[in-house]
Protein backbone atom coordinates (compact mmCIF):
# COMPACT_ATOMS: atom_id res chain seq x y z
CA MET A 1 -0.23 -0.15 0.29
CA LYS A 2 1.96 2.90 -1.07
CA GLY A 3 0.94 6.86 -0.25
CA ALA A 4 1.88 9.16 3.16
CA LEU A 5 3.72 7.94 5.60
CA THR A 6 1.90 5.90 7.56
CA GLN A 7 2.10 7.84 11.06
CA ALA A 8 -1.07 6.52 12.83
CA VAL A 9 -3.54 3.17 12.18
CA LEU A 10 -7.86 3.17 13.28
CA PHE A 11 -9.78 0.65 13.67
CA ASP A 12 -13.06 -0.72 13.63
CA LEU A 13 -14.06 -2.02 16.69
CA ASP A 14 -16.51 -4.79 16.96
CA GLY A 15 -15.50 -7.62 14.98
CA THR A 16 -12.38 -5.77 14.14
CA LEU A 17 -10.24 -5.76 17.35
CA ILE A 18 -12.81 -7.43 19.39
CA ASP A 19 -15.25 -10.44 19.67
CA SER A 20 -18.84 -9.39 20.80
CA ALA A 21 -21.38 -11.33 19.48
CA PRO A 22 -21.87 -14.17 21.74
CA ASP A 23 -22.63 -11.32 24.40
CA LEU A 24 -24.66 -8.95 21.76
CA GLY A 25 -26.42 -12.47 20.27
CA ALA A 26 -26.67 -13.39 24.35
CA ALA A 27 -28.25 -10.46 24.96
CA ALA A 28 -31.28 -10.44 21.57
CA ASP A 29 -31.46 -14.20 22.34
CA LYS A 30 -32.68 -13.43 25.86
CA MET A 31 -35.30 -10.98 24.48
CA ARG A 32 -37.29 -14.02 22.66
CA THR A 33 -37.01 -16.16 25.59
CA ASP A 34 -38.35 -14.20 28.17
CA ARG A 35 -41.35 -14.13 25.59
CA GLY A 36 -40.88 -17.98 25.11
CA LEU A 37 -39.67 -18.34 21.95
CA GLU A 38 -37.25 -20.97 21.32
CA SER A 39 -33.09 -19.70 22.18
CA TYR A 40 -30.79 -19.44 18.72
CA PRO A 41 -27.58 -20.77 18.40
CA LEU A 42 -25.30 -18.02 18.53
CA GLU A 43 -23.61 -19.07 15.07
CA ARG A 44 -27.02 -17.63 13.64
CA TYR A 45 -26.22 -13.90 15.37
CA ARG A 46 -22.64 -13.93 14.52
CA PRO A 47 -23.10 -12.90 11.06
CA HIS A 48 -24.85 -10.12 11.67
CA ALA A 49 -23.05 -8.66 15.20
CA GLY A 50 -21.08 -5.75 13.04
CA SER A 51 -24.73 -4.40 12.70
CA GLY A 52 -25.77 -3.75 15.69
CA ALA A 53 -28.96 -3.72 17.14
CA ARG A 54 -30.26 -3.36 14.02
CA GLY A 55 -28.53 -7.00 13.26
CA MET A 56 -29.45 -8.48 16.43
CA LEU A 57 -33.06 -7.79 15.97
CA GLY A 58 -33.63 -8.75 12.37
CA VAL A 59 -31.97 -12.48 13.57
CA ALA A 60 -34.24 -12.57 17.07
CA PHE A 61 -37.62 -11.35 15.10
CA GLY A 62 -37.07 -10.65 11.91
CA ILE A 63 -38.36 -6.62 12.64
CA THR A 64 -36.42 -3.74 10.26
CA PRO A 65 -35.65 -0.29 11.71
CA ASP A 66 -38.93 1.29 9.82
CA ALA A 67 -41.00 -1.69 11.87
CA PRO A 68 -43.53 1.10 14.39
CA GLU A 69 -42.10 -1.53 17.68
CA PHE A 70 -38.24 -1.39 16.79
CA PRO A 71 -37.41 1.74 18.78
CA GLU A 72 -39.31 0.15 21.94
CA LEU A 73 -37.01 -3.03 20.94
CA ARG A 74 -33.67 -1.30 20.35
CA GLU A 75 -33.52 0.00 23.84
CA GLU A 76 -34.71 -3.38 25.22
CA PHE A 77 -31.93 -4.66 23.83
CA PHE A 78 -29.33 -1.72 25.11
CA VAL A 79 -30.14 -2.30 28.37
CA ALA A 80 -30.06 -6.46 27.96
CA TYR A 81 -26.60 -5.62 26.63
CA GLU A 82 -25.22 -3.40 28.74
CA HIS A 83 -25.78 -6.03 31.92
CA ARG A 84 -23.77 -8.46 30.02
CA MET A 85 -21.67 -6.70 27.31
CA LEU A 86 -18.78 -7.98 29.62
CA LEU A 87 -19.08 -11.32 30.34
CA ASN A 88 -18.24 -13.36 27.23
CA THR A 89 -16.57 -10.76 25.11
CA GLN A 90 -12.97 -11.35 23.72
CA VAL A 91 -10.25 -10.04 21.59
CA PHE A 92 -9.68 -11.14 18.90
CA ASP A 93 -6.73 -13.53 18.87
CA GLY A 94 -3.35 -12.17 17.23
CA ILE A 95 -4.49 -8.36 18.22
CA GLN A 96 -2.54 -7.19 21.40
CA ALA A 97 0.41 -9.00 19.81
CA LEU A 98 -0.67 -6.67 16.53
CA ILE A 99 -0.91 -3.88 18.53
CA ASP A 100 2.32 -4.09 20.76
CA ALA A 101 3.85 -4.87 16.85
CA ILE A 102 2.59 -1.43 15.89
CA GLN A 103 3.48 0.60 18.95
CA ALA A 104 7.10 -0.82 18.40
CA ARG A 105 7.10 0.57 15.27
CA GLY A 106 6.55 3.75 16.77
CA LEU A 107 2.82 3.94 15.16
CA LEU A 108 -0.13 5.39 16.85
CA TRP A 109 -3.33 4.11 16.92
CA GLY A 110 -6.89 4.32 18.13
CA VAL A 111 -10.68 2.90 17.38
CA VAL A 112 -13.69 4.53 15.46
CA THR A 113 -16.53 2.18 15.74
CA ASN A 114 -20.92 3.05 15.05
CA LYS A 115 -20.96 1.66 18.83
CA SER A 116 -22.45 4.29 20.87
CA MET A 117 -20.40 6.06 23.63
CA ARG A 118 -22.98 4.67 26.08
CA PHE A 119 -21.52 1.20 25.59
CA THR A 120 -18.16 1.89 23.77
CA ASP A 121 -16.83 3.58 27.26
CA PRO A 122 -17.36 1.41 29.33
CA LEU A 123 -16.28 -1.73 27.34
CA THR A 124 -12.62 0.11 26.45
CA ARG A 125 -12.21 1.35 29.65
CA ALA A 126 -12.55 -2.24 30.88
CA MET A 127 -9.99 -4.47 28.35
CA PRO A 128 -6.59 -3.28 28.88
CA LEU A 129 -6.20 -3.82 25.38
CA PHE A 130 -7.69 0.35 24.62
CA ALA A 131 -5.12 1.63 27.60
CA SER A 132 -2.51 2.44 24.72
CA ALA A 133 -5.21 3.72 22.34
CA GLY A 134 -4.52 7.05 21.14
CA ALA A 135 -8.23 8.24 20.26
CA ILE A 136 -11.46 6.30 20.55
CA VAL A 137 -14.46 8.00 18.94
CA SER A 138 -17.70 6.38 18.78
CA GLY A 139 -21.06 6.75 16.92
CA ASP A 140 -22.39 9.72 18.92
CA THR A 141 -18.94 11.15 19.52
CA THR A 142 -19.23 13.47 16.32
CA PRO A 143 -22.87 14.27 14.73
CA TYR A 144 -21.85 11.66 12.49
CA ALA A 145 -21.35 7.78 12.01
CA LYS A 146 -19.28 5.42 8.91
CA PRO A 147 -20.02 6.05 6.55
CA HIS A 148 -19.29 8.86 7.31
CA PRO A 149 -15.78 10.36 7.25
CA GLU A 150 -16.19 12.80 10.05
CA PRO A 151 -15.32 10.52 13.47
CA LEU A 152 -12.45 9.14 11.03
CA HIS A 153 -11.20 12.93 10.72
CA GLU A 154 -12.17 13.35 14.77
CA ALA A 155 -9.74 10.72 15.56
CA ALA A 156 -6.72 11.33 13.39
CA ARG A 157 -7.09 15.20 15.26
CA ARG A 158 -7.00 13.55 18.14
CA LEU A 159 -3.73 11.92 17.71
CA GLY A 160 -2.63 14.56 16.26
CA VAL A 161 -1.78 13.70 12.47
CA PRO A 162 -2.92 14.45 9.18
CA SER A 163 -5.97 11.66 7.89
CA GLU A 164 -4.04 10.77 5.08
CA ALA A 165 -1.70 9.48 7.13
CA CYS A 166 -3.90 7.27 8.38
CA ILE A 167 -4.35 3.31 7.74
CA TYR A 168 -8.64 2.29 8.53
CA VAL A 169 -8.64 -1.26 8.90
CA GLY A 170 -12.39 -2.36 9.40
CA ASP A 171 -14.89 -5.36 8.93
CA ASP A 172 -17.99 -3.73 7.20
CA GLU A 173 -18.00 -2.02 3.47
CA ARG A 174 -19.28 0.85 5.40
CA ASP A 175 -15.38 0.98 7.21
CA ILE A 176 -14.31 1.24 3.49
CA ILE A 177 -16.60 3.65 1.98
CA ALA A 178 -15.60 5.70 5.26
CA GLY A 179 -11.85 5.31 5.73
CA ARG A 180 -12.27 6.08 1.92
CA ALA A 181 -13.92 9.45 1.55
CA ALA A 182 -11.07 10.19 4.33
CA GLY A 183 -8.66 9.82 2.60
CA MET A 184 -7.55 6.75 4.54
CA ARG A 185 -5.57 4.18 3.10
CA THR A 186 -8.06 1.17 3.82
CA VAL A 187 -7.94 -2.51 5.05
CA ALA A 188 -10.71 -4.89 4.97
CA ALA A 189 -10.57 -7.35 7.35
CA THR A 190 -12.23 -10.73 6.42
CA TYR A 191 -11.91 -12.03 9.70
CA GLY A 192 -14.72 -10.24 11.34
CA TYR A 193 -18.67 -10.49 10.73
CA MET A 194 -18.49 -10.16 7.12
CA GLY A 195 -21.64 -12.06 7.33
CA SER A 196 -22.07 -14.96 4.41
CA ARG A 197 -23.55 -12.67 1.31
CA ALA A 198 -20.26 -10.13 1.79
CA ASP A 199 -17.76 -10.14 -0.77
CA ALA A 200 -15.04 -8.07 0.37
CA THR A 201 -13.10 -7.75 -2.57
CA LEU A 202 -15.85 -5.58 -3.67
CA TRP A 203 -15.52 -3.03 -1.56
CA GLU A 204 -12.35 -1.09 -3.12
CA ALA A 205 -9.95 -1.78 0.35
CA ASP A 206 -6.49 -1.02 -0.82
CA ALA A 207 -5.66 -4.61 0.77
CA SER A 208 -7.57 -7.36 2.59
CA ILE A 209 -6.45 -9.76 5.62
CA SER A 210 -7.68 -13.10 6.72
CA LEU A 211 -5.60 -12.65 9.57
CA PRO A 212 -4.45 -9.63 12.27
CA MET A 213 -1.10 -10.20 11.93
CA GLU A 214 -0.89 -9.78 8.47
CA LEU A 215 -1.31 -6.33 9.11
CA LEU A 216 2.50 -5.77 10.07
CA HIS A 217 3.23 -7.09 6.11
CA LEU A 218 1.32 -4.16 4.94
CA LEU A 219 2.99 -1.74 7.05
CA ASP A 220 6.20 -2.92 6.73
CA SER A 221 5.76 -2.48 2.74
CA ALA A 222 3.93 0.67 2.88
């Protein structure tokens, strides 16, 4: 990946740095079982975990955000998730080693997620990985969420580097759209929550990785 000298690496959160699908799925599934419906296995929820409440409620109840009952169900989901969001959420294998290697190269790093501060702040405070992050930007930190580029620009400002000196890594097409719009080089993380119908080759990312540590090869060639 050729371009401006890389000074920082920014990451999406869910599906890129952390595997939060077990807690997201369990929160939605509890809503099903509370209503006397059968429990669904985690693997039914996992491909949609990157879509948050929209994805989880879509799996659990087959509804979309334009359904009249969606706002009430979404808040119920948020409360259920808050109660358990650190029970089974884990950092993906290889991520801690990747972050250590990024810092050893003298690069800054941060997070840009569409997850709201309501969840991002307590989660990142509780997980040791994020103690060294120079910027954590949530979906409601700015007036915009991805695929708008402003959250990525905000992260770059907090790190004190130009946007074009950043690489953005994410597991959803909106991550790549946002990164490209912000003038950043982009990397698709195909080990995340892409879903069975997603084809990262169509996203026009600058590169893709199937394991976190593969990012180092791209950094070394940047």
